[in-house]
Amino acid sequence: MKFKYTTSRHGGPIITVSGYRFCKSRTVGAKTHMKCSTHKGCRAIIHILDDMTIIKCHNVHNH
């Protein structure tokens, strides 16, 4: 699985995986939760640390 790190036009972090875009949802301590921004209601998520290390990737989409 290939991950591409970019920033949004507003400067927020964006991760692209297999053509799906993930945007920042919330931050808890050093962990950032990213959710699928391609489709509202999608349950696909990625958890990353401050150094952009991916610790969880649930890349199953309902669209």
N, C-alpha and C. Protein backbone atom coordinates (compact mmCIF):
# COMPACT_ATOMS: atom_id res chain seq x y z
N MET A 1 0.85 -1.17 0.00
CA MET A 1 0.00 0.00 0.00
C MET A 1 0.90 1.24 0.00
N LYS A 2 0.61 2.17 -0.89
CA LYS A 2 1.43 3.37 -1.03
C LYS A 2 0.70 4.57 -0.44
N PHE A 3 1.41 5.33 0.40
CA PHE A 3 0.86 6.51 1.06
C PHE A 3 1.50 7.75 0.47
N LYS A 4 0.68 8.78 0.20
CA LYS A 4 1.20 10.05 -0.30
C LYS A 4 0.78 11.15 0.67
N TYR A 5 1.77 11.86 1.20
CA TYR A 5 1.51 12.94 2.15
C TYR A 5 1.51 14.27 1.42
N THR A 6 0.44 15.06 1.58
CA THR A 6 0.35 16.39 1.01
C THR A 6 -0.33 17.31 2.02
N THR A 7 -0.57 18.54 1.63
CA THR A 7 -1.32 19.47 2.47
C THR A 7 -2.50 20.01 1.67
N SER A 8 -3.55 20.37 2.39
CA SER A 8 -4.74 20.92 1.75
C SER A 8 -4.48 22.38 1.39
N ARG A 9 -5.40 23.00 0.70
CA ARG A 9 -5.22 24.40 0.33
C ARG A 9 -5.25 25.32 1.55
N HIS A 10 -5.75 24.81 2.68
CA HIS A 10 -5.75 25.57 3.92
C HIS A 10 -4.58 25.20 4.84
N GLY A 11 -3.71 24.30 4.38
CA GLY A 11 -2.52 23.93 5.14
C GLY A 11 -2.66 22.71 6.01
N GLY A 12 -3.81 22.04 5.99
CA GLY A 12 -4.03 20.85 6.79
C GLY A 12 -3.41 19.62 6.15
N PRO A 13 -3.09 18.61 6.95
CA PRO A 13 -2.48 17.40 6.41
C PRO A 13 -3.49 16.55 5.63
N ILE A 14 -3.04 16.00 4.51
CA ILE A 14 -3.83 15.11 3.67
C ILE A 14 -2.98 13.87 3.38
N ILE A 15 -3.56 12.70 3.52
CA ILE A 15 -2.90 11.45 3.14
C ILE A 15 -3.76 10.81 2.05
N THR A 16 -3.12 10.41 0.96
CA THR A 16 -3.83 9.73 -0.13
C THR A 16 -3.37 8.28 -0.16
N VAL A 17 -4.35 7.36 -0.12
CA VAL A 17 -4.08 5.92 -0.16
C VAL A 17 -5.01 5.30 -1.20
N SER A 18 -4.45 4.66 -2.20
CA SER A 18 -5.22 3.96 -3.24
C SER A 18 -6.30 4.85 -3.86
N GLY A 19 -6.01 6.12 -4.04
CA GLY A 19 -6.95 7.03 -4.65
C GLY A 19 -7.95 7.67 -3.70
N TYR A 20 -7.93 7.31 -2.43
CA TYR A 20 -8.82 7.89 -1.42
C TYR A 20 -8.05 8.91 -0.60
N ARG A 21 -8.69 10.05 -0.34
CA ARG A 21 -8.07 11.11 0.45
C ARG A 21 -8.56 11.04 1.90
N PHE A 22 -7.62 11.21 2.82
CA PHE A 22 -7.92 11.23 4.25
C PHE A 22 -7.52 12.59 4.80
N CYS A 23 -8.44 13.22 5.55
CA CYS A 23 -8.15 14.52 6.15
C CYS A 23 -8.16 14.38 7.67
N LYS A 24 -7.58 15.37 8.33
CA LYS A 24 -7.47 15.36 9.79
C LYS A 24 -8.86 15.47 10.42
N SER A 25 -9.15 14.55 11.31
CA SER A 25 -10.43 14.53 12.00
C SER A 25 -10.30 15.12 13.40
N ARG A 26 -9.33 14.61 14.16
CA ARG A 26 -9.08 15.11 15.52
C ARG A 26 -7.70 14.69 15.96
N THR A 27 -7.22 15.32 17.04
CA THR A 27 -5.92 15.00 17.61
C THR A 27 -6.10 14.70 19.09
N VAL A 28 -5.53 13.57 19.53
CA VAL A 28 -5.56 13.17 20.94
C VAL A 28 -4.12 12.91 21.36
N GLY A 29 -3.54 13.83 22.10
CA GLY A 29 -2.14 13.70 22.50
C GLY A 29 -1.24 13.77 21.28
N ALA A 30 -0.40 12.75 21.10
CA ALA A 30 0.51 12.72 19.96
C ALA A 30 -0.10 12.00 18.76
N LYS A 31 -1.34 11.51 18.90
CA LYS A 31 -1.98 10.73 17.85
C LYS A 31 -3.01 11.59 17.10
N THR A 32 -2.97 11.53 15.77
CA THR A 32 -3.93 12.24 14.93
C THR A 32 -4.80 11.23 14.21
N HIS A 33 -6.10 11.44 14.26
CA HIS A 33 -7.06 10.58 13.58
C HIS A 33 -7.39 11.24 12.24
N MET A 34 -7.28 10.47 11.17
CA MET A 34 -7.60 10.95 9.83
C MET A 34 -8.79 10.13 9.33
N LYS A 35 -9.74 10.79 8.68
CA LYS A 35 -10.90 10.07 8.15
C LYS A 35 -10.99 10.28 6.65
N CYS A 36 -11.68 9.37 5.99
CA CYS A 36 -11.86 9.44 4.55
C CYS A 36 -12.65 10.70 4.22
N SER A 37 -12.12 11.52 3.33
CA SER A 37 -12.81 12.75 2.94
C SER A 37 -13.46 12.62 1.57
N THR A 38 -13.36 11.45 0.97
CA THR A 38 -13.92 11.24 -0.36
C THR A 38 -15.44 11.08 -0.31
N HIS A 39 -15.95 10.50 0.77
CA HIS A 39 -17.39 10.23 0.87
C HIS A 39 -17.85 10.43 2.31
N LYS A 40 -18.86 11.25 2.50
CA LYS A 40 -19.40 11.49 3.84
C LYS A 40 -20.02 10.20 4.37
N GLY A 41 -19.68 9.85 5.61
CA GLY A 41 -20.21 8.64 6.22
C GLY A 41 -19.33 7.41 6.06
N CYS A 42 -18.24 7.54 5.32
CA CYS A 42 -17.31 6.41 5.15
C CYS A 42 -16.60 6.15 6.48
N ARG A 43 -16.37 4.89 6.80
CA ARG A 43 -15.78 4.52 8.09
C ARG A 43 -14.28 4.22 8.01
N ALA A 44 -13.66 4.45 6.87
CA ALA A 44 -12.22 4.22 6.72
C ALA A 44 -11.45 5.28 7.52
N ILE A 45 -10.42 4.84 8.27
CA ILE A 45 -9.65 5.74 9.12
C ILE A 45 -8.16 5.40 9.07
N ILE A 46 -7.36 6.37 9.41
CA ILE A 46 -5.91 6.20 9.59
C ILE A 46 -5.53 6.94 10.86
N HIS A 47 -4.69 6.33 11.70
CA HIS A 47 -4.15 6.98 12.89
C HIS A 47 -2.66 7.18 12.65
N ILE A 48 -2.18 8.41 12.86
CA ILE A 48 -0.76 8.70 12.68
C ILE A 48 -0.22 9.38 13.93
N LEU A 49 1.10 9.28 14.12
CA LEU A 49 1.78 9.98 15.20
C LEU A 49 2.32 11.30 14.68
N ASP A 50 2.85 12.13 15.57
CA ASP A 50 3.37 13.44 15.18
C ASP A 50 4.45 13.37 14.11
N ASP A 51 5.23 12.29 14.10
CA ASP A 51 6.31 12.15 13.12
C ASP A 51 5.83 11.48 11.82
N MET A 52 4.49 11.45 11.62
CA MET A 52 3.84 10.89 10.42
C MET A 52 3.98 9.37 10.30
N THR A 53 4.25 8.68 11.40
CA THR A 53 4.27 7.23 11.44
C THR A 53 2.84 6.72 11.51
N ILE A 54 2.46 5.85 10.61
CA ILE A 54 1.11 5.30 10.59
C ILE A 54 1.04 4.14 11.57
N ILE A 55 0.12 4.23 12.54
CA ILE A 55 -0.01 3.17 13.53
C ILE A 55 -1.28 2.34 13.32
N LYS A 56 -2.23 2.87 12.56
CA LYS A 56 -3.44 2.11 12.24
C LYS A 56 -3.95 2.57 10.89
N CYS A 57 -4.31 1.61 10.06
CA CYS A 57 -4.88 1.93 8.75
C CYS A 57 -6.03 0.98 8.47
N HIS A 58 -7.24 1.47 8.61
CA HIS A 58 -8.45 0.70 8.29
C HIS A 58 -8.96 1.26 6.96
N ASN A 59 -8.46 0.70 5.86
CA ASN A 59 -8.70 1.23 4.51
C ASN A 59 -9.84 0.48 3.82
N VAL A 60 -10.94 0.23 4.55
CA VAL A 60 -12.11 -0.43 3.98
C VAL A 60 -13.19 0.63 3.84
N HIS A 61 -13.61 0.88 2.61
CA HIS A 61 -14.54 1.96 2.31
C HIS A 61 -15.92 1.39 1.97
N ASN A 62 -16.97 2.17 2.25
CA ASN A 62 -18.34 1.73 1.94
C ASN A 62 -18.89 2.48 0.72
N HIS A 63 -18.03 2.90 -0.15
CA HIS A 63 -18.46 3.61 -1.37
C HIS A 63 -17.61 3.20 -2.53
